[in-house]
Amino acid sequence: QLIRSTVEAYQCAGKRERTKIIHSIMQTIRQQGGRFVKQDADSGRWIDIGFASALEKVDHSLRDQAAPQEPIEMLSGPVGLPNGYQPQNVDVCCGRGKKNWNHQGNVWFRELIRSKVKQYQDAGDKHEKTSLIVSVVEAVRQRGGRFVKQDGNTKLWYDIGEAQSRDKVDHSLRDQVYHGSSSSEAKPPAR
């Protein structure tokens, strides 16, 4: 209810104001004796998630309430980019091969994925994992990047769209969890 009552102000606010809204919500919860807790998978005990995780949890809750409620499939799909478009250093190039692997945006993306693995593993449910995935897609977009792929026949580049971008992030996180850091450092096979 607290989140729903502030979501409109959050949507209209700038970055600084959003931070103030988040802090205000946290303060209200703590003043009423509330805490931000998570159940430890091993011991079953409830533990305080700490200030930074609580900030992120409130932020995700506000963004989830502000997001359109239509299914992911209804969001924008692949979009062709102008003829002659070449991936920018902030883009994430999807597809196999050394050229994509070594692309500056992909190197940054792999570092970002590695930094989120623990958070992904600690996520308690599908909702928390989805929020994390969305935050990674947003991080790429906030720096001006796109998730792009080159059409094998026409050789033209296109933005893969929101649903496929989320799939790419989800797959990258799961792959990093499964293979650990050794596979993320390995070079792709030459084509």
Protein backbone atom coordinates (compact mmCIF):
# COMPACT_ATOMS: atom_id res chain seq x y z
CA GLN A 1 0.00 0.00 0.00
CA LEU A 2 2.89 2.35 0.79
CA ILE A 3 4.46 1.58 -2.59
CA ARG A 4 1.17 2.07 -4.47
CA SER A 5 0.57 5.43 -2.79
CA THR A 6 3.95 6.82 -3.93
CA VAL A 7 4.31 5.25 -7.37
CA GLU A 8 2.86 8.25 -9.23
CA ALA A 9 5.30 10.66 -7.58
CA TYR A 10 8.10 8.16 -8.31
CA GLN A 11 7.19 8.01 -12.03
CA CYS A 12 7.32 11.80 -12.37
CA ALA A 13 10.47 12.29 -10.30
CA GLY A 14 14.04 12.72 -11.45
CA LYS A 15 16.88 10.53 -10.20
CA ARG A 16 17.57 12.64 -7.08
CA GLU A 17 13.90 12.85 -6.15
CA ARG A 18 13.46 9.11 -6.67
CA THR A 19 16.27 8.46 -4.20
CA LYS A 20 14.52 10.69 -1.65
CA ILE A 21 11.23 8.81 -2.18
CA ILE A 22 12.99 5.47 -1.65
CA HIS A 23 14.67 6.70 1.55
CA SER A 24 11.35 8.06 2.79
CA ILE A 25 9.63 4.69 2.29
CA MET A 26 12.45 2.89 4.09
CA GLN A 27 12.31 5.36 6.97
CA THR A 28 8.54 4.95 7.29
CA ILE A 29 8.85 1.17 7.42
CA ARG A 30 11.64 1.25 10.00
CA GLN A 31 9.83 3.86 12.15
CA GLN A 32 6.90 1.47 12.38
CA GLY A 33 9.22 -1.29 13.59
CA GLY A 34 9.49 -2.97 10.19
CA ARG A 35 12.63 -4.54 8.77
CA PHE A 36 13.74 -5.86 5.42
CA VAL A 37 14.44 -9.56 5.91
CA LYS A 38 15.12 -12.67 3.88
CA GLN A 39 15.03 -16.32 4.90
CA ASP A 40 18.43 -18.01 4.81
CA ALA A 41 18.18 -21.06 2.55
CA ASP A 42 20.54 -23.17 4.69
CA SER A 43 19.49 -22.39 8.25
CA GLY A 44 15.91 -21.27 7.62
CA ARG A 45 16.53 -18.25 9.89
CA TRP A 46 15.37 -14.79 8.91
CA ILE A 47 18.19 -12.28 8.39
CA ASP A 48 18.21 -8.53 7.82
CA ILE A 49 19.18 -7.89 4.18
CA GLY A 50 21.02 -4.66 4.95
CA PHE A 51 20.65 -1.10 3.81
CA ALA A 52 21.85 -1.44 0.18
CA SER A 53 19.67 -4.48 -0.55
CA ALA A 54 16.69 -2.79 1.09
CA LEU A 55 17.20 0.28 -1.13
CA GLU A 56 17.27 -1.95 -4.18
CA LYS A 57 14.17 -3.88 -3.05
CA VAL A 58 12.14 -0.67 -2.59
CA ASP A 59 13.39 0.69 -5.93
CA HIS A 60 12.42 -2.54 -7.74
CA SER A 61 9.00 -2.55 -6.09
CA LEU A 62 8.35 1.02 -7.23
CA ARG A 63 9.54 0.27 -10.76
CA ASP A 64 7.41 -2.87 -10.91
CA GLN A 65 4.30 -0.91 -9.87
CA ALA A 66 5.13 1.82 -12.41
CA ALA A 67 5.73 -0.62 -15.27
CA PRO A 68 2.98 -1.32 -17.78
CA GLN A 69 1.03 -4.42 -16.83
CA GLU A 70 0.84 -6.01 -20.29
CA PRO A 71 2.78 -9.23 -20.90
CA ILE A 72 6.38 -9.10 -22.07
CA GLU A 73 5.33 -10.44 -25.48
CA MET A 74 3.28 -7.28 -26.00
CA LEU A 75 6.34 -5.05 -25.58
CA SER A 76 8.38 -3.97 -28.58
CA GLY A 77 9.95 -6.73 -30.58
CA PRO A 78 12.90 -6.66 -32.96
CA VAL A 79 13.39 -3.34 -34.74
CA GLY A 80 15.55 -2.83 -37.82
CA LEU A 81 18.30 -0.24 -37.53
CA PRO A 82 19.23 2.18 -40.35
CA ASN A 83 21.25 0.87 -43.31
CA GLY A 84 24.94 1.17 -42.57
CA TYR A 85 24.42 0.99 -38.79
CA GLN A 86 27.47 -0.33 -36.98
CA PRO A 87 27.33 -1.39 -33.33
CA GLN A 88 28.44 1.31 -30.92
CA ASN A 89 30.87 0.68 -28.05
CA VAL A 90 27.91 0.64 -25.63
CA ASP A 91 25.88 -1.93 -27.62
CA VAL A 92 25.72 -5.62 -26.72
CA CYS A 93 26.17 -7.69 -29.88
CA CYS A 94 24.22 -10.95 -29.83
CA GLY A 95 25.49 -13.95 -31.73
CA ARG A 96 28.57 -16.13 -31.85
CA GLY A 97 32.13 -15.41 -32.86
CA LYS A 98 35.23 -13.53 -31.80
CA LYS A 99 34.08 -10.23 -33.26
CA ASN A 100 31.03 -10.12 -30.97
CA TRP A 101 32.91 -11.62 -28.01
CA ASN A 102 35.63 -8.95 -28.20
CA HIS A 103 33.24 -6.05 -28.86
CA GLN A 104 33.72 -3.39 -26.15
CA GLY A 105 30.02 -3.43 -25.18
CA ASN A 106 30.08 -7.21 -24.75
CA VAL A 107 33.20 -7.06 -22.57
CA TRP A 108 31.43 -4.53 -20.31
CA PHE A 109 28.25 -6.67 -20.36
CA ARG A 110 30.14 -9.78 -19.19
CA GLU A 111 31.63 -7.79 -16.30
CA LEU A 112 28.15 -6.56 -15.38
CA ILE A 113 26.81 -10.13 -15.48
CA ARG A 114 29.67 -11.36 -13.26
CA SER A 115 28.89 -8.60 -10.76
CA LYS A 116 25.23 -9.75 -10.54
CA VAL A 117 25.73 -13.52 -10.19
CA LYS A 118 25.62 -13.61 -6.37
CA GLN A 119 22.48 -11.47 -6.36
CA TYR A 120 20.92 -13.80 -8.97
CA GLN A 121 21.80 -16.88 -6.89
CA ASP A 122 20.42 -15.27 -3.73
CA ALA A 123 17.15 -14.24 -5.39
CA GLY A 124 14.37 -15.93 -3.47
CA ASP A 125 11.79 -16.28 -6.22
CA LYS A 126 11.06 -15.70 -9.89
CA HIS A 127 9.90 -12.13 -9.20
CA GLU A 128 13.28 -11.18 -7.68
CA LYS A 129 15.16 -12.78 -10.58
CA THR A 130 12.96 -10.98 -13.11
CA SER A 131 13.59 -7.66 -11.34
CA LEU A 132 17.33 -8.28 -11.52
CA ILE A 133 17.13 -9.19 -15.21
CA VAL A 134 15.16 -6.02 -15.97
CA SER A 135 17.71 -3.94 -14.04
CA VAL A 136 20.55 -5.35 -16.19
CA VAL A 137 18.66 -4.56 -19.42
CA GLU A 138 18.00 -1.06 -18.06
CA ALA A 139 21.70 -0.62 -17.20
CA VAL A 140 22.62 -1.30 -20.84
CA ARG A 141 19.91 1.03 -22.12
CA GLN A 142 20.73 3.81 -19.61
CA ARG A 143 24.26 4.06 -20.98
CA GLY A 144 22.81 4.43 -24.50
CA GLY A 145 23.31 0.81 -25.50
CA ARG A 146 21.13 -1.65 -27.34
CA PHE A 147 21.03 -5.40 -27.68
CA VAL A 148 21.75 -5.82 -31.39
CA LYS A 149 22.12 -8.69 -33.80
CA GLN A 150 23.17 -8.89 -37.43
CA ASP A 151 20.83 -10.58 -39.89
CA GLY A 152 22.73 -13.48 -41.46
CA ASN A 153 21.25 -12.90 -44.93
CA THR A 154 21.01 -9.13 -45.32
CA LYS A 155 23.95 -8.32 -42.97
CA LEU A 156 21.82 -5.48 -41.53
CA TRP A 157 21.74 -4.88 -37.79
CA TYR A 158 18.58 -4.84 -35.70
CA ASP A 159 17.65 -4.21 -32.06
CA ILE A 160 16.42 -7.57 -30.73
CA GLY A 161 13.70 -5.97 -28.57
CA GLU A 162 12.78 -6.17 -24.91
CA ALA A 163 11.73 -9.82 -24.61
CA GLN A 164 14.83 -11.18 -26.37
CA SER A 165 17.05 -8.76 -24.41
CA ARG A 166 15.67 -10.18 -21.17
CA ASP A 167 16.20 -13.70 -22.47
CA LYS A 168 19.83 -12.83 -23.33
CA VAL A 169 20.44 -11.49 -19.80
CA ASP A 170 18.70 -14.47 -18.16
CA HIS A 171 20.72 -16.93 -20.24
CA SER A 172 23.97 -15.08 -19.49
CA LEU A 173 23.29 -15.14 -15.75
CA ARG A 174 22.33 -18.82 -15.73
CA ASP A 175 25.38 -19.68 -17.85
CA GLN A 176 27.65 -17.75 -15.49
CA VAL A 177 26.13 -19.54 -12.47
CA TYR A 178 26.51 -22.95 -14.12
CA HIS A 179 29.99 -22.50 -15.57
CA GLY A 180 31.46 -20.05 -13.06
CA SER A 181 34.15 -17.55 -13.85
CA SER A 182 36.32 -19.94 -15.88
CA SER A 183 33.91 -20.05 -18.83
CA SER A 184 33.43 -16.30 -18.85
CA GLU A 185 37.16 -15.84 -19.37
CA ALA A 186 37.49 -18.50 -22.05
CA LYS A 187 37.74 -17.32 -25.62
CA PRO A 188 35.05 -18.44 -28.07
CA PRO A 189 36.05 -20.96 -30.73
CA ALA A 190 37.22 -19.42 -34.02
CA ARG A 191 34.67 -19.50 -36.78
